[in-house]
Amino acid sequence: MTIWTDRAAAGRPIALTGTGGIDRAAHHRLDEAWLAAAWSHPSTRVFVVSGGQALIEDTDDGRTELVTMPAFDAPFTEAHRYFLGTDPEGVRYFALQKDALPGRMDDVARPAGLREAGVLLSERDAELLVHAVALENWQRLHRFCSRCGERTVIAAAGHIRRCPACGAEHYPRTDPAVIMLVTDEHDRALLGRQVHWPEGRFSTLAGFVEPGESIERAVIREVWEEAGVDVGEVEYVASQPWPFPSSLMLGFTARATSPEVRVDGDEIEEARWFSRDELAAAIESGEVLPLSGISIAARLVELWYGKPLPRPA
């Protein structure tokens, strides 16, 4: 059973979901001549990524943009040049992985990661940044061959690492995780608080998919393990890349078949059922901290709530 009728009524779209019109043009990644020509084209734009951050700046008209530069102005490091794709106007985009972000003399640009920049940037810039951050995370963590231990080299414009010793090719890692808004027969939502979260911080339940497990079974297992609640019907909603460092969040709704809550105490310290009125009152009073940020969790709750969540009074 679907628990909402009009997704547009829920307000904000899901961030980082690749709706900025970038064509990743994967067929060019192994074409060194094309990549060289694209790099030298005067319209090509480049930005530096370092430690999951890039430079952003606020414009005079109230927008926030990635700080990009022509390729000939970039602090070029060919071995760490990642081709990200082209936009509808034919502009090619590259990211450069560096040990530090470049300095700016105008004091306008500032470093930012996806958690801050993802809600500020245009869909195009957010799409570029999440791609670059995901590649950078993978490149930094997977420098050696898992077959023979030899140091690997970057290929395919940043999308493959090759082993010069045994010839193995290694591809960017993505870890699937399920995140779910569970409701009961009274259409109340189940929200939990992790043990390391502050008092009042509640969100949807989530967990990683295990080897040999379907994503639907992962939803059922995680809800039981974390909250002791049986769920029956499971329905997929949407996905969100989450490169912290390499997850793909798979959003679901699930219908509980048992109302009793028994938290595991290891990961989830507290879990509660909320009606819409109860959640609104708890947020407005400050008892529950508002769900915010770029995570799909807030969007799942808003889909159930039917409109943007209230803010504290």
C-alpha atoms as a PDB file:
ATOM      1  CA  MET A   1       0.000   0.000   0.000  1.00  0.00           C
ATOM      2  CA  THR A   2       1.337   3.412  -0.928  1.00  0.00           C
ATOM      3  CA  ILE A   3       1.201   5.854   1.975  1.00  0.00           C
ATOM      4  CA  TRP A   4       1.236   9.061  -0.068  1.00  0.00           C
ATOM      5  CA  THR A   5      -0.610  10.255  -3.132  1.00  0.00           C
ATOM      6  CA  ASP A   6       1.311  13.304  -4.306  1.00  0.00           C
ATOM      7  CA  ARG A   7       5.075  13.307  -3.942  1.00  0.00           C
ATOM      8  CA  ALA A   8       5.268  16.927  -5.081  1.00  0.00           C
ATOM      9  CA  ALA A   9       3.217  17.867  -2.029  1.00  0.00           C
ATOM     10  CA  ALA A  10       6.038  16.671   0.203  1.00  0.00           C
ATOM     11  CA  GLY A  11       8.194  19.651  -0.705  1.00  0.00           C
ATOM     12  CA  ARG A  12      11.902  19.356  -1.349  1.00  0.00           C
ATOM     13  CA  PRO A  13      13.308  16.899  -3.902  1.00  0.00           C
ATOM     14  CA  ILE A  14      15.905  14.336  -2.858  1.00  0.00           C
ATOM     15  CA  ALA A  15      19.380  15.865  -3.041  1.00  0.00           C
ATOM     16  CA  LEU A  16      22.365  14.397  -4.911  1.00  0.00           C
ATOM     17  CA  THR A  17      20.231  12.215  -7.174  1.00  0.00           C
ATOM     18  CA  GLY A  18      21.770  13.209 -10.491  1.00  0.00           C
ATOM     19  CA  THR A  19      19.117  15.488 -11.961  1.00  0.00           C
ATOM     20  CA  GLY A  20      21.495  18.194 -13.134  1.00  0.00           C
ATOM     21  CA  GLY A  21      21.596  17.142 -16.772  1.00  0.00           C
ATOM     22  CA  ILE A  22      25.201  15.893 -16.795  1.00  0.00           C
ATOM     23  CA  ASP A  23      25.974  13.211 -19.383  1.00  0.00           C
ATOM     24  CA  ARG A  24      28.757  11.094 -17.875  1.00  0.00           C
ATOM     25  CA  ALA A  25      29.826  10.097 -21.417  1.00  0.00           C
ATOM     26  CA  ALA A  26      31.489   6.921 -20.189  1.00  0.00           C
ATOM     27  CA  HIS A  27      32.388   5.893 -23.737  1.00  0.00           C
ATOM     28  CA  HIS A  28      35.078   8.610 -23.769  1.00  0.00           C
ATOM     29  CA  ARG A  29      36.899   7.455 -20.621  1.00  0.00           C
ATOM     30  CA  LEU A  30      39.299   5.157 -22.498  1.00  0.00           C
ATOM     31  CA  ASP A  31      39.817   7.534 -25.433  1.00  0.00           C
ATOM     32  CA  GLU A  32      43.012   9.347 -24.481  1.00  0.00           C
ATOM     33  CA  ALA A  33      42.999  11.498 -27.614  1.00  0.00           C
ATOM     34  CA  TRP A  34      39.454  12.682 -26.925  1.00  0.00           C
ATOM     35  CA  LEU A  35      40.240  13.337 -23.255  1.00  0.00           C
ATOM     36  CA  ALA A  36      43.302  15.382 -24.189  1.00  0.00           C
ATOM     37  CA  ALA A  37      41.264  17.435 -26.658  1.00  0.00           C
ATOM     38  CA  ALA A  38      38.483  17.903 -24.108  1.00  0.00           C
ATOM     39  CA  TRP A  39      40.974  19.041 -21.483  1.00  0.00           C
ATOM     40  CA  SER A  40      42.478  21.655 -23.811  1.00  0.00           C
ATOM     41  CA  HIS A  41      39.127  23.017 -25.027  1.00  0.00           C
ATOM     42  CA  PRO A  42      38.600  26.643 -23.930  1.00  0.00           C
ATOM     43  CA  SER A  43      35.102  25.967 -22.571  1.00  0.00           C
ATOM     44  CA  THR A  44      36.176  23.079 -20.321  1.00  0.00           C
ATOM     45  CA  ARG A  45      35.764  23.684 -16.594  1.00  0.00           C
ATOM     46  CA  VAL A  46      37.802  22.147 -13.800  1.00  0.00           C
ATOM     47  CA  PHE A  47      37.527  22.102 -10.011  1.00  0.00           C
ATOM     48  CA  VAL A  48      39.730  20.677  -7.276  1.00  0.00           C
ATOM     49  CA  VAL A  49      38.465  18.102  -4.770  1.00  0.00           C
ATOM     50  CA  SER A  50      40.391  17.283  -1.606  1.00  0.00           C
ATOM     51  CA  GLY A  51      39.312  15.338   1.448  1.00  0.00           C
ATOM     52  CA  GLY A  52      35.692  15.320   0.295  1.00  0.00           C
ATOM     53  CA  GLN A  53      35.606  19.085  -0.110  1.00  0.00           C
ATOM     54  CA  ALA A  54      35.663  21.605  -2.941  1.00  0.00           C
ATOM     55  CA  LEU A  55      35.575  25.391  -3.067  1.00  0.00           C
ATOM     56  CA  ILE A  56      32.177  27.065  -3.341  1.00  0.00           C
ATOM     57  CA  GLU A  57      31.243  30.743  -3.512  1.00  0.00           C
ATOM     58  CA  ASP A  58      28.129  32.882  -3.227  1.00  0.00           C
ATOM     59  CA  THR A  59      27.252  34.999  -6.247  1.00  0.00           C
ATOM     60  CA  ASP A  60      25.875  38.513  -6.306  1.00  0.00           C
ATOM     61  CA  ASP A  61      22.465  37.228  -7.389  1.00  0.00           C
ATOM     62  CA  GLY A  62      22.117  34.951  -4.347  1.00  0.00           C
ATOM     63  CA  ARG A  63      23.209  31.635  -5.836  1.00  0.00           C
ATOM     64  CA  THR A  64      25.978  29.341  -4.603  1.00  0.00           C
ATOM     65  CA  GLU A  65      28.300  27.797  -7.182  1.00  0.00           C
ATOM     66  CA  LEU A  66      31.247  25.462  -7.419  1.00  0.00           C
ATOM     67  CA  VAL A  67      34.464  27.351  -7.982  1.00  0.00           C
ATOM     68  CA  THR A  68      35.630  26.145 -11.384  1.00  0.00           C
ATOM     69  CA  MET A  69      38.405  27.317 -13.676  1.00  0.00           C
ATOM     70  CA  PRO A  70      39.536  26.821 -17.256  1.00  0.00           C
ATOM     71  CA  ALA A  71      41.784  23.818 -17.686  1.00  0.00           C
ATOM     72  CA  PHE A  72      44.805  25.977 -18.490  1.00  0.00           C
ATOM     73  CA  ASP A  73      44.487  27.636 -15.048  1.00  0.00           C
ATOM     74  CA  ALA A  74      44.140  24.356 -13.156  1.00  0.00           C
ATOM     75  CA  PRO A  75      46.922  22.943 -10.938  1.00  0.00           C
ATOM     76  CA  PHE A  76      47.257  20.043 -13.354  1.00  0.00           C
ATOM     77  CA  THR A  77      48.063  16.533 -12.135  1.00  0.00           C
ATOM     78  CA  GLU A  78      47.321  14.146 -14.988  1.00  0.00           C
ATOM     79  CA  ALA A  79      47.414  11.015 -12.839  1.00  0.00           C
ATOM     80  CA  HIS A  80      44.575  12.381 -10.689  1.00  0.00           C
ATOM     81  CA  ARG A  81      42.401  13.965 -13.371  1.00  0.00           C
ATOM     82  CA  TYR A  82      38.850  12.631 -13.393  1.00  0.00           C
ATOM     83  CA  PHE A  83      36.484  13.195 -16.286  1.00  0.00           C
ATOM     84  CA  LEU A  84      32.972  13.790 -14.932  1.00  0.00           C
ATOM     85  CA  GLY A  85      30.946  14.396 -18.096  1.00  0.00           C
ATOM     86  CA  THR A  86      29.386  17.101 -20.237  1.00  0.00           C
ATOM     87  CA  ASP A  87      26.410  19.392 -19.719  1.00  0.00           C
ATOM     88  CA  PRO A  88      23.642  20.121 -22.252  1.00  0.00           C
ATOM     89  CA  GLU A  89      25.653  23.067 -23.620  1.00  0.00           C
ATOM     90  CA  GLY A  90      28.591  20.773 -24.388  1.00  0.00           C
ATOM     91  CA  VAL A  91      30.847  22.006 -21.577  1.00  0.00           C
ATOM     92  CA  ARG A  92      33.199  19.272 -20.362  1.00  0.00           C
ATOM     93  CA  TYR A  93      33.948  18.942 -16.644  1.00  0.00           C
ATOM     94  CA  PHE A  94      36.943  17.491 -14.871  1.00  0.00           C
ATOM     95  CA  ALA A  95      37.864  17.151 -11.203  1.00  0.00           C
ATOM     96  CA  LEU A  96      41.431  17.196  -9.943  1.00  0.00           C
ATOM     97  CA  GLN A  97      42.275  15.306  -6.764  1.00  0.00           C
ATOM     98  CA  LYS A  98      44.841  17.229  -4.730  1.00  0.00           C
ATOM     99  CA  ASP A  99      46.242  17.023  -1.222  1.00  0.00           C
ATOM    100  CA  ALA A 100      44.828  20.474  -0.456  1.00  0.00           C
ATOM    101  CA  LEU A 101      42.390  22.915  -1.986  1.00  0.00           C
ATOM    102  CA  PRO A 102      43.919  25.887  -3.813  1.00  0.00           C
ATOM    103  CA  GLY A 103      44.079  29.210  -1.996  1.00  0.00           C
ATOM    104  CA  ARG A 104      41.983  32.173  -3.099  1.00  0.00           C
ATOM    105  CA  MET A 105      42.987  35.781  -2.623  1.00  0.00           C
ATOM    106  CA  ASP A 106      39.481  37.247  -2.712  1.00  0.00           C
ATOM    107  CA  ASP A 107      38.221  35.645   0.525  1.00  0.00           C
ATOM    108  CA  VAL A 108      34.934  34.862  -1.237  1.00  0.00           C
ATOM    109  CA  ALA A 109      35.388  31.157  -1.872  1.00  0.00           C
ATOM    110  CA  ARG A 110      35.175  28.713   1.015  1.00  0.00           C
ATOM    111  CA  PRO A 111      35.747  24.973   1.339  1.00  0.00           C
ATOM    112  CA  ALA A 112      32.640  22.835   1.751  1.00  0.00           C
ATOM    113  CA  GLY A 113      31.682  19.185   1.740  1.00  0.00           C
ATOM    114  CA  LEU A 114      28.526  17.615   0.402  1.00  0.00           C
ATOM    115  CA  ARG A 115      26.564  17.945   3.634  1.00  0.00           C
ATOM    116  CA  GLU A 116      26.777  21.733   3.389  1.00  0.00           C
ATOM    117  CA  ALA A 117      27.109  22.260  -0.342  1.00  0.00           C
ATOM    118  CA  GLY A 118      24.533  19.668  -1.406  1.00  0.00           C
ATOM    119  CA  VAL A 119      21.616  21.853  -0.308  1.00  0.00           C
ATOM    120  CA  LEU A 120      23.141  25.082  -1.648  1.00  0.00           C
ATOM    121  CA  LEU A 121      24.425  24.210  -5.095  1.00  0.00           C
ATOM    122  CA  SER A 122      22.457  23.925  -8.305  1.00  0.00           C
ATOM    123  CA  GLU A 123      21.464  20.412  -9.363  1.00  0.00           C
ATOM    124  CA  ARG A 124      24.239  20.472 -11.980  1.00  0.00           C
ATOM    125  CA  ASP A 125      26.965  21.477  -9.518  1.00  0.00           C
ATOM    126  CA  ALA A 126      25.732  19.051  -6.858  1.00  0.00           C
ATOM    127  CA  GLU A 127      25.763  16.241  -9.422  1.00  0.00           C
ATOM    128  CA  LEU A 128      29.343  17.072 -10.383  1.00  0.00           C
ATOM    129  CA  LEU A 129      30.503  17.306  -6.786  1.00  0.00           C
ATOM    130  CA  VAL A 130      28.973  14.022  -5.623  1.00  0.00           C
ATOM    131  CA  HIS A 131      30.611  12.227  -8.575  1.00  0.00           C
ATOM    132  CA  ALA A 132      33.996  13.778  -7.805  1.00  0.00           C
ATOM    133  CA  VAL A 133      33.818  13.095  -4.068  1.00  0.00           C
ATOM    134  CA  ALA A 134      32.815   9.465  -4.645  1.00  0.00           C
ATOM    135  CA  LEU A 135      35.753   8.932  -7.005  1.00  0.00           C
ATOM    136  CA  GLU A 136      38.174  10.666  -4.670  1.00  0.00           C
ATOM    137  CA  ASN A 137      37.082   8.557  -1.691  1.00  0.00           C
ATOM    138  CA  TRP A 138      37.478   5.346  -3.660  1.00  0.00           C
ATOM    139  CA  GLN A 139      40.835   6.353  -5.122  1.00  0.00           C
ATOM    140  CA  ARG A 140      42.268   7.218  -1.707  1.00  0.00           C
ATOM    141  CA  LEU A 141      41.109   3.985  -0.069  1.00  0.00           C
ATOM    142  CA  HIS A 142      41.874   1.464  -2.845  1.00  0.00           C
ATOM    143  CA  ARG A 143      45.423   2.070  -4.032  1.00  0.00           C
ATOM    144  CA  PHE A 144      46.623  -1.529  -3.935  1.00  0.00           C
ATOM    145  CA  CYS A 145      45.551  -4.643  -5.803  1.00  0.00           C
ATOM    146  CA  SER A 146      43.318  -6.928  -3.743  1.00  0.00           C
ATOM    147  CA  ARG A 147      44.667  -9.940  -5.683  1.00  0.00           C
ATOM    148  CA  CYS A 148      48.438  -9.507  -5.400  1.00  0.00           C
ATOM    149  CA  GLY A 149      49.049  -6.416  -3.282  1.00  0.00           C
ATOM    150  CA  GLU A 150      50.843  -4.409  -5.985  1.00  0.00           C
ATOM    151  CA  ARG A 151      50.179  -0.681  -6.180  1.00  0.00           C
ATOM    152  CA  THR A 152      47.610   0.018  -8.891  1.00  0.00           C
ATOM    153  CA  VAL A 153      47.474   2.850 -11.410  1.00  0.00           C
ATOM    154  CA  ILE A 154      44.575   5.072 -12.408  1.00  0.00           C
ATOM    155  CA  ALA A 155      42.866   4.458 -15.768  1.00  0.00           C
ATOM    156  CA  ALA A 156      39.640   5.303 -17.586  1.00  0.00           C
ATOM    157  CA  ALA A 157      39.750   8.959 -16.521  1.00  0.00           C
ATOM    158  CA  GLY A 158      39.583   7.993 -12.853  1.00  0.00           C
ATOM    159  CA  HIS A 159      36.993   5.206 -13.065  1.00  0.00           C
ATOM    160  CA  ILE A 160      39.312   2.157 -13.042  1.00  0.00           C
ATOM    161  CA  ARG A 161      42.487   1.167 -11.194  1.00  0.00           C
ATOM    162  CA  ARG A 162      44.703  -1.341 -13.011  1.00  0.00           C
ATOM    163  CA  CYS A 163      47.313  -3.609 -11.517  1.00  0.00           C
ATOM    164  CA  PRO A 164      50.557  -3.572 -13.540  1.00  0.00           C
ATOM    165  CA  ALA A 165      51.657  -6.871 -11.951  1.00  0.00           C
ATOM    166  CA  CYS A 166      48.716  -9.238 -12.418  1.00  0.00           C
ATOM    167  CA  GLY A 167      46.571  -7.246 -14.849  1.00  0.00           C
ATOM    168  CA  ALA A 168      43.521  -7.073 -12.591  1.00  0.00           C
ATOM    169  CA  GLU A 169      41.097  -4.200 -13.036  1.00  0.00           C
ATOM    170  CA  HIS A 170      39.371  -2.680 -10.011  1.00  0.00           C
ATOM    171  CA  TYR A 171      36.234  -0.564 -10.199  1.00  0.00           C
ATOM    172  CA  PRO A 172      34.744   2.004  -7.806  1.00  0.00           C
ATOM    173  CA  ARG A 173      33.088   0.389  -4.823  1.00  0.00           C
ATOM    174  CA  THR A 174      29.481   1.089  -3.910  1.00  0.00           C
ATOM    175  CA  ASP A 175      27.969  -0.314  -0.723  1.00  0.00           C
ATOM    176  CA  PRO A 176      24.154  -0.696  -0.887  1.00  0.00           C
ATOM    177  CA  ALA A 177      22.258   0.339   2.229  1.00  0.00           C
ATOM    178  CA  VAL A 178      18.526   0.375   2.883  1.00  0.00           C
ATOM    179  CA  ILE A 179      16.785   3.228   4.647  1.00  0.00           C
ATOM    180  CA  MET A 180      13.082   2.921   5.457  1.00  0.00           C
ATOM    181  CA  LEU A 181      10.107   4.780   6.806  1.00  0.00           C
ATOM    182  CA  VAL A 182       8.069   2.175   8.718  1.00  0.00           C
ATOM    183  CA  THR A 183       4.379   2.812   9.414  1.00  0.00           C
ATOM    184  CA  ASP A 184       1.811   0.840  11.419  1.00  0.00           C
ATOM    185  CA  GLU A 185      -1.897   0.158  11.000  1.00  0.00           C
ATOM    186  CA  HIS A 186      -2.695   3.586  12.447  1.00  0.00           C
ATOM    187  CA  ASP A 187      -0.373   5.252   9.896  1.00  0.00           C
ATOM    188  CA  ARG A 188       2.103   6.250  12.595  1.00  0.00           C
ATOM    189  CA  ALA A 189       5.775   6.506  11.640  1.00  0.00           C
ATOM    190  CA  LEU A 190       8.553   4.663  13.454  1.00  0.00           C
ATOM    191  CA  LEU A 191      11.614   6.813  14.153  1.00  0.00           C
ATOM    192  CA  GLY A 192      14.705   5.814  16.083  1.00  0.00           C
ATOM    193  CA  ARG A 193      17.651   7.439  17.828  1.00  0.00           C
ATOM    194  CA  GLN A 194      21.127   5.975  17.515  1.00  0.00           C
ATOM    195  CA  VAL A 195      23.172   5.580  20.672  1.00  0.00           C
ATOM    196  CA  HIS A 196      25.711   8.254  19.694  1.00  0.00           C
ATOM    197  CA  TRP A 197      23.114  10.846  18.665  1.00  0.00           C
ATOM    198  CA  PRO A 198      22.111  13.718  20.955  1.00  0.00           C
ATOM    199  CA  GLU A 199      18.840  13.643  22.856  1.00  0.00           C
ATOM    200  CA  GLY A 200      15.940  14.463  20.560  1.00  0.00           C
ATOM    201  CA  ARG A 201      17.641  13.411  17.328  1.00  0.00           C
ATOM    202  CA  PHE A 202      15.352  10.889  15.620  1.00  0.00           C
ATOM    203  CA  SER A 203      15.392   9.557  12.076  1.00  0.00           C
ATOM    204  CA  THR A 204      14.382   6.607   9.939  1.00  0.00           C
ATOM    205  CA  LEU A 205      15.965   3.190  10.421  1.00  0.00           C
ATOM    206  CA  ALA A 206      18.739   2.117   8.062  1.00  0.00           C
ATOM    207  CA  GLY A 207      21.392  -0.546   7.531  1.00  0.00           C
ATOM    208  CA  PHE A 208      23.669  -2.201   5.012  1.00  0.00           C
ATOM    209  CA  VAL A 209      22.596  -4.990   2.669  1.00  0.00           C
ATOM    210  CA  GLU A 210      24.414  -8.218   3.492  1.00  0.00           C
ATOM    211  CA  PRO A 211      26.060 -10.556   0.939  1.00  0.00           C
ATOM    212  CA  GLY A 212      23.548 -12.728  -0.881  1.00  0.00           C
ATOM    213  CA  GLU A 213      20.605 -10.703   0.416  1.00  0.00           C
ATOM    214  CA  SER A 214      17.883  -8.932  -1.540  1.00  0.00           C
ATOM    215  CA  ILE A 215      17.215  -5.323  -0.659  1.00  0.00           C
ATOM    216  CA  GLU A 216      13.640  -6.137   0.379  1.00  0.00           C
ATOM    217  CA  ARG A 217      14.855  -8.797   2.811  1.00  0.00           C
ATOM    218  CA  ALA A 218      17.447  -6.339   4.118  1.00  0.00           C
ATOM    219  CA  VAL A 219      14.618  -3.940   5.033  1.00  0.00           C
ATOM    220  CA  ILE A 220      12.778  -6.654   6.942  1.00  0.00           C
ATOM    221  CA  ARG A 221      15.928  -7.853   8.722  1.00  0.00           C
ATOM    222  CA  GLU A 222      17.210  -4.394   9.690  1.00  0.00           C
ATOM    223  CA  VAL A 223      13.875  -3.259  11.126  1.00  0.00           C
ATOM    224  CA  TRP A 224      13.679  -6.432  13.215  1.00  0.00           C
ATOM    225  CA  GLU A 225      17.304  -6.231  14.370  1.00  0.00           C
ATOM    226  CA  GLU A 226      17.164  -2.567  15.315  1.00  0.00           C
ATOM    227  CA  ALA A 227      13.617  -2.158  16.629  1.00  0.00           C
ATOM    228  CA  GLY A 228      12.185  -5.660  17.093  1.00  0.00           C
ATOM    229  CA  VAL A 229       9.317  -4.812  14.740  1.00  0.00           C
ATOM    230  CA  ASP A 230       8.016  -7.260  12.122  1.00  0.00           C
ATOM    231  CA  VAL A 231       7.253  -5.737   8.733  1.00  0.00           C
ATOM    232  CA  GLY A 232       5.338  -7.188   5.837  1.00  0.00           C
ATOM    233  CA  GLU A 233       4.836  -5.128   2.718  1.00  0.00           C
ATOM    234  CA  VAL A 234       7.928  -3.274   1.485  1.00  0.00           C
ATOM    235  CA  GLU A 235       7.850  -0.677  -1.283  1.00  0.00           C
ATOM    236  CA  TYR A 236      10.804   0.990  -3.001  1.00  0.00           C
ATOM    237  CA  VAL A 237      10.713   4.813  -3.189  1.00  0.00           C
ATOM    238  CA  ALA A 238      13.993   6.237  -4.491  1.00  0.00           C
ATOM    239  CA  SER A 239      17.775   6.068  -4.134  1.00  0.00           C
ATOM    240  CA  GLN A 240      20.453   8.550  -3.159  1.00  0.00           C
ATOM    241  CA  PRO A 241      24.230   8.335  -3.586  1.00  0.00           C
ATOM    242  CA  TRP A 242      25.907   8.803  -0.229  1.00  0.00           C
ATOM    243  CA  PRO A 243      29.703   8.862  -0.668  1.00  0.00           C
ATOM    244  CA  PHE A 244      30.623   8.912   3.037  1.00  0.00           C
ATOM    245  CA  PRO A 245      32.611   7.109   1.837  1.00  0.00           C
ATOM    246  CA  SER A 246      30.845   4.822  -0.666  1.00  0.00           C
ATOM    247  CA  SER A 247      27.198   4.060   0.067  1.00  0.00           C
ATOM    248  CA  LEU A 248      24.116   4.028  -2.112  1.00  0.00           C
ATOM    249  CA  MET A 249      21.027   4.634   0.015  1.00  0.00           C
ATOM    250  CA  LEU A 250      17.953   2.717  -1.187  1.00  0.00           C
ATOM    251  CA  GLY A 251      14.831   4.312   0.217  1.00  0.00           C
ATOM    252  CA  PHE A 252      11.749   2.285   1.123  1.00  0.00           C
ATOM    253  CA  THR A 253       8.458   2.412   2.942  1.00  0.00           C
ATOM    254  CA  ALA A 254       7.463  -0.621   4.990  1.00  0.00           C
ATOM    255  CA  ARG A 255       4.286  -1.631   6.794  1.00  0.00           C
ATOM    256  CA  ALA A 256       4.640  -3.027  10.314  1.00  0.00           C
ATOM    257  CA  THR A 257       2.683  -6.133  11.238  1.00  0.00           C
ATOM    258  CA  SER A 258       3.458  -5.836  14.957  1.00  0.00           C
ATOM    259  CA  PRO A 259       3.382  -2.592  16.973  1.00  0.00           C
ATOM    260  CA  GLU A 260       5.662  -3.604  19.860  1.00  0.00           C
ATOM    261  CA  VAL A 261       9.095  -1.938  19.811  1.00  0.00           C
ATOM    262  CA  ARG A 262      12.167  -3.661  21.274  1.00  0.00           C
ATOM    263  CA  VAL A 263      15.340  -1.730  20.395  1.00  0.00           C
ATOM    264  CA  ASP A 264      18.632  -3.578  20.127  1.00  0.00           C
ATOM    265  CA  GLY A 265      20.399  -1.207  22.550  1.00  0.00           C
ATOM    266  CA  ASP A 266      23.637  -1.484  20.582  1.00  0.00           C
ATOM    267  CA  GLU A 267      22.879   0.702  17.579  1.00  0.00           C
ATOM    268  CA  ILE A 268      19.415   2.066  18.392  1.00  0.00           C
ATOM    269  CA  GLU A 269      18.880   3.398  21.899  1.00  0.00           C
ATOM    270  CA  GLU A 270      15.281   4.519  21.495  1.00  0.00           C
ATOM    271  CA  ALA A 271      12.504   4.093  18.922  1.00  0.00           C
ATOM    272  CA  ARG A 272       9.019   5.576  19.000  1.00  0.00           C
ATOM    273  CA  TRP A 273       5.819   5.638  16.982  1.00  0.00           C
ATOM    274  CA  PHE A 274       4.689   9.146  15.969  1.00  0.00           C
ATOM    275  CA  SER A 275       1.412  10.291  14.497  1.00  0.00           C
ATOM    276  CA  ARG A 276       1.671  13.351  12.278  1.00  0.00           C
ATOM    277  CA  ASP A 277       0.285  15.577  15.021  1.00  0.00           C
ATOM    278  CA  GLU A 278       2.616  14.066  17.612  1.00  0.00           C
ATOM    279  CA  LEU A 279       5.683  14.569  15.440  1.00  0.00           C
ATOM    280  CA  ALA A 280       4.724  18.151  14.607  1.00  0.00           C
ATOM    281  CA  ALA A 281       4.136  18.977  18.274  1.00  0.00           C
ATOM    282  CA  ALA A 282       7.410  17.327  19.325  1.00  0.00           C
ATOM    283  CA  ILE A 283       9.398  19.297  16.733  1.00  0.00           C
ATOM    284  CA  GLU A 284       7.698  22.588  17.562  1.00  0.00           C
ATOM    285  CA  SER A 285       8.326  22.110  21.300  1.00  0.00           C
ATOM    286  CA  GLY A 286      11.956  21.111  20.808  1.00  0.00           C
ATOM    287  CA  GLU A 287      11.468  17.597  22.162  1.00  0.00           C
ATOM    288  CA  VAL A 288      12.452  16.228  18.750  1.00  0.00           C
ATOM    289  CA  LEU A 289      15.126  17.907  16.674  1.00  0.00           C
ATOM    290  CA  PRO A 290      13.990  18.669  13.112  1.00  0.00           C
ATOM    291  CA  LEU A 291      15.124  16.311  10.387  1.00  0.00           C
ATOM    292  CA  SER A 292      17.268  18.330   8.047  1.00  0.00           C
ATOM    293  CA  GLY A 293      20.207  18.200   5.708  1.00  0.00           C
ATOM    294  CA  ILE A 294      20.587  16.375   2.433  1.00  0.00           C
ATOM    295  CA  SER A 295      19.836  12.826   3.577  1.00  0.00           C
ATOM    296  CA  ILE A 296      16.977  10.921   1.975  1.00  0.00           C
ATOM    297  CA  ALA A 297      15.699  10.256   5.522  1.00  0.00           C
ATOM    298  CA  ALA A 298      14.049  13.668   5.771  1.00  0.00           C
ATOM    299  CA  ARG A 299      12.427  13.220   2.358  1.00  0.00           C
ATOM    300  CA  LEU A 300      10.974   9.834   3.357  1.00  0.00           C
ATOM    301  CA  VAL A 301       9.444  11.366   6.471  1.00  0.00           C
ATOM    302  CA  GLU A 302       8.074  14.286   4.459  1.00  0.00           C
ATOM    303  CA  LEU A 303       6.482  11.902   1.958  1.00  0.00           C
ATOM    304  CA  TRP A 304       4.572  10.356   4.869  1.00  0.00           C
ATOM    305  CA  TYR A 305       3.893  13.723   6.525  1.00  0.00           C
ATOM    306  CA  GLY A 306       2.515  15.119   3.247  1.00  0.00           C
ATOM    307  CA  LYS A 307       4.307  18.488   3.305  1.00  0.00           C
ATOM    308  CA  PRO A 308       7.535  20.010   4.598  1.00  0.00           C
ATOM    309  CA  LEU A 309       8.094  19.294   8.258  1.00  0.00           C
ATOM    310  CA  PRO A 310       7.494  22.105  10.753  1.00  0.00           C
ATOM    311  CA  ARG A 311      10.315  24.031  12.368  1.00  0.00           C
ATOM    312  CA  PRO A 312      10.776  24.607  16.102  1.00  0.00           C
ATOM    313  CA  ALA A 313       8.534  27.311  17.525  1.00  0.00           C
END
